[in-house]
């Protein structure tokens, strides 16, 4: 009888809440991260900032740039640099897909969230198109309308 593997539990470290406001996300992809020991310890402590981060493809390799993982407080002189570029672990087919997607006008690679899947650190990358100001206003209006409807429904109960 074959043993069934249970899906690894996700422990979300951080999400990029501004990404879905600033960009229309067309597709997402999961990628592994190449990290040093002190970066992993800092992530396990729940410290990471994706706000200014983005991904890019250089020489058939994917890189995560601008993501701030603060230095580990208990680290020593071999502590990591907080905003260093980090390599993303993707297959050649996935890198080719992302390269084709980013060659279209206005599309960019945005990190959406960082999490642990079991013991492995992962990042969710989204292919997104920047929203115009009127799109952002429409998003705000929609959110406010839904909020007022929820409040009204709650009052009627």
N, C-alpha and C. Protein backbone atom coordinates (compact mmCIF):
# COMPACT_ATOMS: atom_id res chain seq x y z
N UNK A 1 0.83 -1.18 0.00
CA UNK A 1 0.00 0.00 0.00
C UNK A 1 0.88 1.25 0.00
N UNK A 2 0.63 2.17 -0.90
CA UNK A 2 1.44 3.38 -1.01
C UNK A 2 1.05 4.38 0.07
N UNK A 3 2.07 5.03 0.62
CA UNK A 3 1.81 6.06 1.63
C UNK A 3 1.41 7.35 0.94
N UNK A 4 0.43 8.01 1.49
CA UNK A 4 0.00 9.30 0.96
C UNK A 4 0.80 10.40 1.63
N UNK A 5 1.32 11.29 0.82
CA UNK A 5 2.06 12.42 1.37
C UNK A 5 1.10 13.56 1.65
N UNK A 6 1.21 14.12 2.83
CA UNK A 6 0.37 15.26 3.15
C UNK A 6 1.05 16.52 2.64
N UNK A 7 0.28 17.50 2.18
CA UNK A 7 0.90 18.73 1.70
C UNK A 7 1.60 19.46 2.84
N UNK A 8 2.76 20.00 2.56
CA UNK A 8 3.52 20.72 3.57
C UNK A 8 2.75 21.98 3.99
N UNK A 9 2.82 22.25 5.27
CA UNK A 9 2.12 23.41 5.80
C UNK A 9 2.83 24.69 5.35
N UNK A 10 2.04 25.69 5.00
CA UNK A 10 2.59 26.98 4.59
C UNK A 10 2.66 27.89 5.81
N UNK A 11 3.83 28.47 6.03
CA UNK A 11 3.99 29.48 7.07
C UNK A 11 4.34 30.77 6.35
N UNK A 12 3.37 31.65 6.21
CA UNK A 12 3.56 32.88 5.46
C UNK A 12 4.37 33.86 6.30
N UNK A 13 5.47 34.35 5.74
CA UNK A 13 6.34 35.31 6.41
C UNK A 13 5.81 36.72 6.19
N UNK A 14 5.62 37.08 4.92
CA UNK A 14 5.14 38.42 4.60
C UNK A 14 4.42 38.40 3.26
N UNK A 15 3.51 39.34 3.08
CA UNK A 15 2.82 39.50 1.81
C UNK A 15 3.02 40.94 1.34
N UNK A 16 3.02 41.13 0.04
CA UNK A 16 3.18 42.45 -0.55
C UNK A 16 1.77 42.97 -0.85
N UNK A 17 1.19 43.66 0.11
CA UNK A 17 -0.19 44.13 -0.03
C UNK A 17 -0.30 45.22 -1.10
N UNK A 18 0.75 46.00 -1.27
CA UNK A 18 0.73 47.07 -2.26
C UNK A 18 0.77 46.54 -3.69
N UNK A 19 1.28 45.32 -3.87
CA UNK A 19 1.44 44.78 -5.23
C UNK A 19 0.09 44.65 -5.94
N UNK A 20 -0.89 44.13 -5.25
CA UNK A 20 -2.21 43.95 -5.89
C UNK A 20 -2.93 45.27 -6.09
N UNK A 21 -2.52 46.30 -5.35
CA UNK A 21 -3.10 47.63 -5.55
C UNK A 21 -2.42 48.35 -6.71
N UNK A 22 -1.09 48.21 -6.80
CA UNK A 22 -0.34 48.90 -7.85
C UNK A 22 -0.35 48.18 -9.19
N UNK A 23 -0.51 46.85 -9.17
CA UNK A 23 -0.41 46.06 -10.39
C UNK A 23 -1.64 45.19 -10.59
N UNK A 24 -1.99 44.97 -11.83
CA UNK A 24 -2.99 43.97 -12.20
C UNK A 24 -2.20 42.69 -12.42
N UNK A 25 -2.38 41.70 -11.53
CA UNK A 25 -1.60 40.47 -11.59
C UNK A 25 -2.26 39.52 -12.59
N UNK A 26 -1.49 39.14 -13.63
CA UNK A 26 -2.01 38.30 -14.70
C UNK A 26 -1.78 36.82 -14.42
N UNK A 27 -0.63 36.46 -13.86
CA UNK A 27 -0.35 35.07 -13.53
C UNK A 27 0.65 35.03 -12.38
N UNK A 28 0.71 33.89 -11.67
CA UNK A 28 1.62 33.74 -10.55
C UNK A 28 2.45 32.47 -10.72
N UNK A 29 3.58 32.44 -10.03
CA UNK A 29 4.48 31.30 -10.10
C UNK A 29 5.22 31.19 -8.78
N UNK A 30 5.47 29.97 -8.34
CA UNK A 30 6.22 29.73 -7.12
C UNK A 30 7.68 29.46 -7.45
N UNK A 31 8.59 30.06 -6.68
CA UNK A 31 10.02 29.87 -6.91
C UNK A 31 10.72 29.67 -5.58
N UNK A 32 11.77 28.87 -5.60
CA UNK A 32 12.60 28.71 -4.42
C UNK A 32 13.58 29.87 -4.32
N UNK A 33 14.16 30.05 -3.14
CA UNK A 33 15.11 31.12 -2.89
C UNK A 33 16.45 30.55 -2.47
N UNK A 34 17.53 31.11 -2.99
CA UNK A 34 18.87 30.75 -2.52
C UNK A 34 19.22 31.73 -1.42
N UNK A 35 19.34 31.23 -0.18
CA UNK A 35 19.57 32.07 0.99
C UNK A 35 20.77 31.59 1.78
N UNK A 36 21.34 32.50 2.57
CA UNK A 36 22.38 32.12 3.52
C UNK A 36 21.72 31.75 4.84
N UNK A 37 22.50 31.22 5.77
CA UNK A 37 21.95 30.77 7.05
C UNK A 37 21.32 31.88 7.86
N UNK A 38 21.97 33.05 7.90
CA UNK A 38 21.42 34.14 8.70
C UNK A 38 20.15 34.71 8.06
N UNK A 39 20.04 34.62 6.73
CA UNK A 39 18.80 35.08 6.08
C UNK A 39 17.64 34.16 6.45
N UNK A 40 17.89 32.87 6.50
CA UNK A 40 16.84 31.92 6.87
C UNK A 40 16.39 32.18 8.30
N UNK A 41 17.34 32.41 9.20
CA UNK A 41 16.99 32.68 10.60
C UNK A 41 16.20 33.97 10.73
N UNK A 42 16.56 34.98 9.96
CA UNK A 42 15.83 36.24 9.99
C UNK A 42 14.41 36.04 9.45
N UNK A 43 14.26 35.23 8.39
CA UNK A 43 12.93 34.94 7.85
C UNK A 43 12.09 34.16 8.86
N UNK A 44 12.71 33.20 9.53
CA UNK A 44 11.97 32.42 10.54
C UNK A 44 11.48 33.31 11.67
N UNK A 45 12.20 34.40 11.92
CA UNK A 45 11.77 35.37 12.93
C UNK A 45 10.66 36.27 12.39
N UNK A 46 10.30 36.12 11.11
CA UNK A 46 9.19 36.87 10.53
C UNK A 46 9.56 38.23 10.00
N UNK A 47 10.83 38.43 9.67
CA UNK A 47 11.28 39.75 9.22
C UNK A 47 11.62 39.72 7.74
N UNK A 48 10.89 40.51 6.97
CA UNK A 48 11.12 40.64 5.53
C UNK A 48 10.25 41.78 5.01
N UNK A 49 10.75 42.51 4.01
CA UNK A 49 10.00 43.60 3.42
C UNK A 49 10.06 43.49 1.90
N UNK A 50 8.90 43.29 1.26
CA UNK A 50 8.81 43.12 -0.19
C UNK A 50 8.43 44.39 -0.93
N UNK A 51 8.21 45.47 -0.20
CA UNK A 51 7.60 46.66 -0.79
C UNK A 51 8.34 47.19 -2.02
N UNK A 52 9.66 47.29 -1.97
CA UNK A 52 10.44 47.83 -3.08
C UNK A 52 11.02 46.74 -3.97
N UNK A 53 10.65 45.49 -3.76
CA UNK A 53 11.26 44.39 -4.47
C UNK A 53 10.66 44.14 -5.85
N UNK A 54 11.47 43.52 -6.70
CA UNK A 54 11.03 43.08 -8.02
C UNK A 54 11.94 41.94 -8.45
N UNK A 55 11.55 41.25 -9.49
CA UNK A 55 12.37 40.16 -10.03
C UNK A 55 12.78 40.52 -11.44
N UNK A 56 13.95 39.99 -11.85
CA UNK A 56 14.41 40.21 -13.21
C UNK A 56 15.13 38.97 -13.70
N UNK A 57 15.23 38.86 -15.03
CA UNK A 57 15.90 37.73 -15.66
C UNK A 57 17.21 38.25 -16.27
N UNK A 58 18.35 37.67 -15.85
CA UNK A 58 19.67 38.03 -16.39
C UNK A 58 20.39 36.74 -16.77
N UNK A 59 20.82 36.65 -18.03
CA UNK A 59 21.60 35.49 -18.49
C UNK A 59 20.93 34.16 -18.15
N UNK A 60 19.66 34.05 -18.44
CA UNK A 60 18.87 32.83 -18.19
C UNK A 60 18.85 32.44 -16.71
N UNK A 61 18.96 33.40 -15.82
CA UNK A 61 18.81 33.19 -14.39
C UNK A 61 17.84 34.22 -13.85
N UNK A 62 17.03 33.82 -12.88
CA UNK A 62 16.06 34.73 -12.28
C UNK A 62 16.62 35.25 -10.96
N UNK A 63 16.48 36.54 -10.72
CA UNK A 63 17.01 37.19 -9.53
C UNK A 63 15.92 38.00 -8.84
N UNK A 64 15.91 37.98 -7.53
CA UNK A 64 15.01 38.79 -6.72
C UNK A 64 15.82 39.98 -6.21
N UNK A 65 15.40 41.19 -6.57
CA UNK A 65 16.18 42.40 -6.29
C UNK A 65 15.36 43.34 -5.41
N UNK A 66 16.02 44.00 -4.48
CA UNK A 66 15.36 45.04 -3.68
C UNK A 66 14.55 44.53 -2.51
N UNK A 67 14.55 43.25 -2.26
CA UNK A 67 13.82 42.71 -1.10
C UNK A 67 14.71 42.85 0.12
N UNK A 68 14.18 43.42 1.18
CA UNK A 68 14.96 43.70 2.38
C UNK A 68 14.71 42.62 3.43
N UNK A 69 15.74 41.84 3.70
CA UNK A 69 15.72 40.87 4.81
C UNK A 69 16.73 41.39 5.81
N UNK A 70 16.28 41.92 6.95
CA UNK A 70 17.22 42.55 7.88
C UNK A 70 18.23 41.55 8.44
N UNK A 71 19.37 42.09 8.89
CA UNK A 71 20.40 41.24 9.46
C UNK A 71 19.86 40.52 10.69
N UNK A 72 20.34 39.30 10.88
CA UNK A 72 19.95 38.50 12.04
C UNK A 72 20.61 39.10 13.28
N UNK A 73 19.82 39.39 14.29
CA UNK A 73 20.35 40.09 15.46
C UNK A 73 21.40 39.28 16.22
N UNK A 74 21.29 37.96 16.20
CA UNK A 74 22.25 37.11 16.90
C UNK A 74 23.42 36.72 16.00
N UNK A 75 23.45 37.25 14.78
CA UNK A 75 24.50 36.90 13.83
C UNK A 75 25.85 37.49 14.22
N UNK A 76 26.89 37.01 13.56
CA UNK A 76 28.23 37.50 13.85
C UNK A 76 28.76 38.27 12.66
N UNK A 77 30.05 38.31 12.47
CA UNK A 77 30.64 39.09 11.38
C UNK A 77 30.30 38.54 10.01
N UNK A 78 29.78 37.31 9.94
CA UNK A 78 29.41 36.71 8.67
C UNK A 78 27.94 36.94 8.33
N UNK A 79 27.33 37.94 8.95
CA UNK A 79 25.94 38.27 8.69
C UNK A 79 25.79 38.73 7.23
N UNK A 80 24.59 38.60 6.69
CA UNK A 80 24.33 38.91 5.29
C UNK A 80 24.06 40.40 5.06
N UNK A 81 24.15 40.81 3.81
CA UNK A 81 23.78 42.16 3.42
C UNK A 81 22.26 42.18 3.23
N UNK A 82 21.54 43.14 3.84
CA UNK A 82 20.08 43.10 3.84
C UNK A 82 19.40 43.15 2.47
N UNK A 83 19.94 43.90 1.51
CA UNK A 83 19.24 44.06 0.23
C UNK A 83 19.99 43.43 -0.94
N UNK A 84 20.78 42.41 -0.69
CA UNK A 84 21.54 41.79 -1.78
C UNK A 84 20.59 41.09 -2.76
N UNK A 85 20.98 40.98 -4.04
CA UNK A 85 20.16 40.21 -4.99
C UNK A 85 20.20 38.73 -4.62
N UNK A 86 19.04 38.07 -4.68
CA UNK A 86 18.95 36.66 -4.34
C UNK A 86 18.48 35.87 -5.56
N UNK A 87 19.12 34.76 -5.80
CA UNK A 87 18.79 33.94 -6.96
C UNK A 87 17.49 33.19 -6.70
N UNK A 88 16.66 33.10 -7.74
CA UNK A 88 15.42 32.34 -7.68
C UNK A 88 15.63 30.99 -8.35
N UNK A 89 15.09 29.95 -7.75
CA UNK A 89 15.23 28.61 -8.29
C UNK A 89 14.01 28.29 -9.14
N UNK A 90 14.20 28.31 -10.45
CA UNK A 90 13.15 28.03 -11.42
C UNK A 90 13.71 27.12 -12.50
N UNK A 91 12.84 26.38 -13.16
CA UNK A 91 13.28 25.54 -14.27
C UNK A 91 13.51 26.41 -15.51
N UNK A 92 14.21 25.86 -16.48
CA UNK A 92 14.47 26.61 -17.72
C UNK A 92 13.17 26.99 -18.42
N UNK A 93 12.21 26.08 -18.38
CA UNK A 93 10.92 26.35 -19.03
C UNK A 93 10.22 27.52 -18.33
N UNK A 94 10.25 27.55 -16.99
CA UNK A 94 9.63 28.65 -16.26
C UNK A 94 10.34 29.97 -16.54
N UNK A 95 11.68 29.95 -16.60
CA UNK A 95 12.44 31.17 -16.89
C UNK A 95 12.12 31.67 -18.29
N UNK A 96 12.01 30.75 -19.25
CA UNK A 96 11.66 31.13 -20.62
C UNK A 96 10.27 31.77 -20.65
N UNK A 97 9.33 31.20 -19.91
CA UNK A 97 7.97 31.75 -19.84
C UNK A 97 7.99 33.17 -19.27
N UNK A 98 8.75 33.38 -18.18
CA UNK A 98 8.82 34.70 -17.58
C UNK A 98 9.53 35.70 -18.48
N UNK A 99 10.54 35.24 -19.20
CA UNK A 99 11.25 36.12 -20.13
C UNK A 99 10.31 36.60 -21.23
N UNK A 100 9.53 35.69 -21.79
CA UNK A 100 8.57 36.07 -22.83
C UNK A 100 7.52 37.02 -22.27
N UNK A 101 7.09 36.79 -21.03
CA UNK A 101 6.07 37.64 -20.44
C UNK A 101 6.59 39.05 -20.20
N UNK A 102 7.83 39.18 -19.75
CA UNK A 102 8.34 40.51 -19.44
C UNK A 102 8.78 41.29 -20.68
N UNK A 103 8.92 40.62 -21.81
CA UNK A 103 9.28 41.34 -23.02
C UNK A 103 8.10 42.11 -23.60
N UNK A 104 6.89 41.78 -23.16
CA UNK A 104 5.72 42.55 -23.58
C UNK A 104 5.76 43.90 -22.87
N UNK A 105 5.23 44.92 -23.53
CA UNK A 105 5.25 46.26 -22.95
C UNK A 105 4.42 46.33 -21.68
N UNK A 106 5.00 46.95 -20.66
CA UNK A 106 4.27 47.23 -19.44
C UNK A 106 4.17 46.09 -18.45
N UNK A 107 4.77 44.94 -18.72
CA UNK A 107 4.69 43.82 -17.78
C UNK A 107 5.96 43.72 -16.96
N UNK A 108 5.81 43.40 -15.69
CA UNK A 108 6.94 43.28 -14.78
C UNK A 108 6.73 42.11 -13.83
N UNK A 109 7.79 41.68 -13.17
CA UNK A 109 7.74 40.58 -12.21
C UNK A 109 7.76 41.15 -10.80
N UNK A 110 6.72 40.83 -10.03
CA UNK A 110 6.54 41.40 -8.70
C UNK A 110 6.47 40.28 -7.67
N UNK A 111 7.25 40.36 -6.58
CA UNK A 111 7.10 39.35 -5.52
C UNK A 111 5.81 39.62 -4.73
N UNK A 112 4.98 38.59 -4.58
CA UNK A 112 3.70 38.76 -3.90
C UNK A 112 3.75 38.34 -2.44
N UNK A 113 4.47 37.24 -2.14
CA UNK A 113 4.59 36.81 -0.76
C UNK A 113 5.79 35.89 -0.61
N UNK A 114 6.31 35.85 0.62
CA UNK A 114 7.40 34.95 0.98
C UNK A 114 6.87 34.03 2.06
N UNK A 115 7.15 32.75 1.94
CA UNK A 115 6.63 31.79 2.90
C UNK A 115 7.54 30.57 2.97
N UNK A 116 7.34 29.80 4.03
CA UNK A 116 8.02 28.52 4.16
C UNK A 116 7.04 27.42 3.79
N UNK A 117 7.46 26.53 2.92
CA UNK A 117 6.68 25.37 2.54
C UNK A 117 7.44 24.18 3.10
N UNK A 118 7.01 23.73 4.27
CA UNK A 118 7.79 22.76 5.00
C UNK A 118 9.01 23.48 5.56
N UNK A 119 10.20 23.03 5.17
CA UNK A 119 11.43 23.66 5.64
C UNK A 119 12.07 24.56 4.59
N UNK A 120 11.45 24.69 3.44
CA UNK A 120 12.04 25.39 2.30
C UNK A 120 11.39 26.77 2.14
N UNK A 121 12.22 27.80 1.96
CA UNK A 121 11.73 29.15 1.73
C UNK A 121 11.32 29.31 0.27
N UNK A 122 10.14 29.85 0.04
CA UNK A 122 9.60 30.05 -1.30
C UNK A 122 9.13 31.49 -1.44
N UNK A 123 9.07 31.94 -2.69
CA UNK A 123 8.52 33.26 -2.99
C UNK A 123 7.51 33.08 -4.12
N UNK A 124 6.39 33.78 -4.02
CA UNK A 124 5.40 33.75 -5.09
C UNK A 124 5.61 34.99 -5.95
N UNK A 125 5.88 34.75 -7.23
CA UNK A 125 6.16 35.82 -8.18
C UNK A 125 4.93 36.01 -9.07
N UNK A 126 4.55 37.26 -9.28
CA UNK A 126 3.42 37.56 -10.15
C UNK A 126 3.87 38.35 -11.36
N UNK A 127 3.28 38.03 -12.52
CA UNK A 127 3.50 38.83 -13.72
C UNK A 127 2.40 39.88 -13.71
N UNK A 128 2.79 41.15 -13.62
CA UNK A 128 1.78 42.19 -13.47
C UNK A 128 1.97 43.35 -14.42
N UNK A 129 0.87 44.04 -14.65
CA UNK A 129 0.85 45.25 -15.46
C UNK A 129 0.48 46.39 -14.53
N UNK A 130 1.23 47.47 -14.59
CA UNK A 130 0.98 48.61 -13.72
C UNK A 130 -0.40 49.22 -13.96
N UNK A 131 -1.09 49.54 -12.87
CA UNK A 131 -2.41 50.16 -12.98
C UNK A 131 -2.27 51.66 -13.17
N UNK A 132 -3.20 52.21 -13.89
CA UNK A 132 -3.27 53.66 -14.05
C UNK A 132 -3.98 54.23 -12.83
N UNK A 133 -3.94 55.55 -12.68
CA UNK A 133 -4.55 56.20 -11.53
C UNK A 133 -6.05 55.92 -11.46
N UNK A 134 -6.72 55.93 -12.60
CA UNK A 134 -8.17 55.70 -12.58
C UNK A 134 -8.49 54.25 -12.20
N UNK A 135 -7.60 53.30 -12.54
CA UNK A 135 -7.81 51.92 -12.10
C UNK A 135 -7.69 51.81 -10.59
N UNK A 136 -6.74 52.53 -10.01
CA UNK A 136 -6.57 52.51 -8.56
C UNK A 136 -7.78 53.11 -7.87
N UNK A 137 -8.30 54.19 -8.46
CA UNK A 137 -9.51 54.81 -7.88
C UNK A 137 -10.69 53.86 -7.94
N UNK A 138 -10.80 53.12 -9.04
CA UNK A 138 -11.89 52.14 -9.15
C UNK A 138 -11.75 51.04 -8.11
N UNK A 139 -10.52 50.62 -7.84
CA UNK A 139 -10.28 49.60 -6.82
C UNK A 139 -10.69 50.11 -5.44
N UNK A 140 -10.33 51.35 -5.14
CA UNK A 140 -10.71 51.94 -3.85
C UNK A 140 -12.22 52.05 -3.73
N UNK A 141 -12.90 52.50 -4.79
CA UNK A 141 -14.36 52.63 -4.78
C UNK A 141 -15.02 51.28 -4.56
N UNK A 142 -14.54 50.25 -5.25
CA UNK A 142 -15.09 48.90 -5.10
C UNK A 142 -14.92 48.40 -3.67
N UNK A 143 -13.72 48.61 -3.10
CA UNK A 143 -13.45 48.16 -1.74
C UNK A 143 -14.36 48.87 -0.73
N UNK A 144 -14.56 50.18 -0.90
CA UNK A 144 -15.41 50.95 0.00
C UNK A 144 -16.87 50.50 -0.12
N UNK A 145 -17.33 50.22 -1.34
CA UNK A 145 -18.70 49.76 -1.55
C UNK A 145 -18.93 48.42 -0.88
N UNK A 146 -17.99 47.49 -1.05
CA UNK A 146 -18.12 46.18 -0.40
C UNK A 146 -18.11 46.30 1.12
N UNK A 147 -17.31 47.21 1.63
CA UNK A 147 -17.24 47.42 3.08
C UNK A 147 -18.56 47.96 3.61
N UNK A 148 -19.14 48.92 2.90
CA UNK A 148 -20.42 49.48 3.37
C UNK A 148 -21.54 48.45 3.27
N UNK A 149 -21.51 47.58 2.24
CA UNK A 149 -22.51 46.52 2.14
C UNK A 149 -22.38 45.53 3.30
N UNK A 150 -21.15 45.17 3.66
CA UNK A 150 -20.95 44.26 4.79
C UNK A 150 -21.46 44.89 6.08
N UNK A 151 -21.19 46.18 6.27
CA UNK A 151 -21.66 46.86 7.48
C UNK A 151 -23.18 46.89 7.53
N UNK A 152 -23.82 47.15 6.40
CA UNK A 152 -25.28 47.19 6.34
C UNK A 152 -25.88 45.82 6.65
N UNK A 153 -25.28 44.77 6.08
CA UNK A 153 -25.76 43.41 6.34
C UNK A 153 -25.59 43.05 7.82
N UNK A 154 -24.49 43.51 8.40
CA UNK A 154 -24.25 43.23 9.82
C UNK A 154 -25.27 43.97 10.69
N UNK A 155 -25.64 45.20 10.33
CA UNK A 155 -26.64 45.96 11.08
C UNK A 155 -28.01 45.31 11.00
N UNK A 156 -28.35 44.74 9.85
CA UNK A 156 -29.68 44.15 9.67
C UNK A 156 -29.85 42.85 10.46
N UNK A 157 -28.75 42.20 10.80
CA UNK A 157 -28.82 40.97 11.59
C UNK A 157 -29.08 41.33 12.98
